[in-house]
């Protein structure tokens, strides 16, 4: 391989790596958007009284969604049930805090 061919191969390798990285980012965010739109539990979590879930970053929302999934499986109930219970508990806590003031 000549020096020029080696340089071109190096450029192509770097370009392909950058392209793969960009695709991975796009895929991750696109997949997150699909999950956010399609999961009913996600819409319920957005109803938390302080709007915290809606302001979370991608990683934090994903963590919460996975915890909802795990709890639903562990207790053999629906994800919707777990999400509703979480929001209801947050609302009750908020009411208690407001009453204490």
Protein backbone atom coordinates (compact mmCIF):
# COMPACT_ATOMS: atom_id res chain seq x y z
CA UNK A 1 0.00 0.00 0.00
CA UNK A 2 1.37 3.40 -0.94
CA UNK A 3 1.56 6.33 1.46
CA UNK A 4 -1.34 8.01 -0.33
CA UNK A 5 -3.50 4.87 -0.15
CA UNK A 6 -2.64 4.49 3.54
CA UNK A 7 -3.66 8.11 4.19
CA UNK A 8 -6.95 7.64 2.33
CA UNK A 9 -7.68 4.45 4.28
CA UNK A 10 -6.98 6.28 7.57
CA UNK A 11 -9.31 9.12 6.57
CA UNK A 12 -12.04 6.64 5.62
CA UNK A 13 -11.63 4.78 8.91
CA UNK A 14 -11.96 8.00 10.93
CA UNK A 15 -14.94 9.13 8.82
CA UNK A 16 -16.68 5.79 9.27
CA UNK A 17 -16.08 5.96 13.03
CA UNK A 18 -17.60 9.44 13.20
CA UNK A 19 -20.54 8.33 11.07
CA UNK A 20 -21.13 5.33 13.33
CA UNK A 21 -21.01 7.56 16.42
CA UNK A 22 -23.50 10.01 14.90
CA UNK A 23 -25.80 7.16 13.89
CA UNK A 24 -25.63 5.70 17.41
CA UNK A 25 -26.61 9.07 18.91
CA UNK A 26 -29.45 9.54 16.43
CA UNK A 27 -30.68 5.99 16.97
CA UNK A 28 -30.63 6.37 20.75
CA UNK A 29 -32.52 9.66 20.74
CA UNK A 30 -34.92 8.45 18.05
CA UNK A 31 -35.59 5.27 20.02
CA UNK A 32 -36.15 7.30 23.19
CA UNK A 33 -38.66 9.47 21.35
CA UNK A 34 -40.49 6.38 20.11
CA UNK A 35 -40.62 4.98 23.65
CA UNK A 36 -41.81 8.30 25.04
CA UNK A 37 -44.64 8.44 22.52
CA UNK A 38 -45.70 4.79 22.74
CA UNK A 39 -45.53 3.95 26.46
CA UNK A 40 -48.67 4.87 28.42
CA UNK A 41 -46.67 4.79 31.66
CA UNK A 42 -44.46 7.56 30.27
CA UNK A 43 -47.47 9.82 29.78
CA UNK A 44 -48.59 9.10 33.35
CA UNK A 45 -45.16 9.88 34.81
CA UNK A 46 -45.33 13.27 33.10
CA UNK A 47 -48.26 14.07 35.38
CA UNK A 48 -46.10 14.30 38.50
CA UNK A 49 -47.17 17.35 40.53
CA UNK A 50 -43.95 19.30 40.16
CA UNK A 51 -43.25 18.40 36.52
CA UNK A 52 -39.91 16.89 37.46
CA UNK A 53 -40.12 13.92 35.09
CA UNK A 54 -40.73 16.15 32.07
CA UNK A 55 -37.65 18.23 32.89
CA UNK A 56 -35.34 15.22 33.32
CA UNK A 57 -32.61 14.46 30.84
CA UNK A 58 -32.79 11.44 28.56
CA UNK A 59 -30.75 9.20 30.85
CA UNK A 60 -32.81 9.99 33.95
CA UNK A 61 -36.16 9.41 32.21
CA UNK A 62 -34.84 6.15 30.85
CA UNK A 63 -33.76 5.11 34.35
CA UNK A 64 -37.26 5.84 35.72
CA UNK A 65 -38.97 3.97 32.88
CA UNK A 66 -36.79 0.93 33.51
CA UNK A 67 -37.55 1.05 37.24
CA UNK A 68 -41.28 1.13 36.44
CA UNK A 69 -40.80 -1.91 34.18
CA UNK A 70 -38.85 -3.77 36.89
CA UNK A 71 -41.38 -3.05 39.62
CA UNK A 72 -44.27 -4.08 37.38
CA UNK A 73 -42.59 -7.41 36.64
CA UNK A 74 -41.57 -7.96 40.26
CA UNK A 75 -45.10 -7.39 41.60
CA UNK A 76 -46.91 -8.85 38.59
CA UNK A 77 -48.87 -5.68 37.85
CA UNK A 78 -48.99 -3.37 34.86
CA UNK A 79 -46.52 -0.58 34.21
CA UNK A 80 -49.49 1.80 34.11
CA UNK A 81 -50.44 0.77 37.65
CA UNK A 82 -46.90 1.42 38.94
CA UNK A 83 -46.71 4.78 37.17
CA UNK A 84 -50.11 5.85 38.56
CA UNK A 85 -49.12 4.81 42.07
CA UNK A 86 -45.87 6.76 41.83
CA UNK A 87 -47.67 9.90 40.68
CA UNK A 88 -50.37 9.48 43.36
CA UNK A 89 -47.73 9.12 46.08
CA UNK A 90 -45.97 12.24 44.81
CA UNK A 91 -49.26 14.15 44.87
CA UNK A 92 -50.03 12.98 48.42
CA UNK A 93 -46.57 14.00 49.58
CA UNK A 94 -46.95 17.40 47.98
CA UNK A 95 -50.29 17.92 49.72
CA UNK A 96 -48.73 17.01 53.08
CA UNK A 97 -45.89 19.44 52.54
CA UNK A 98 -48.30 22.22 51.58
CA UNK A 99 -50.44 21.57 54.68
CA UNK A 100 -47.38 21.79 56.92
CA UNK A 101 -46.57 25.30 55.74
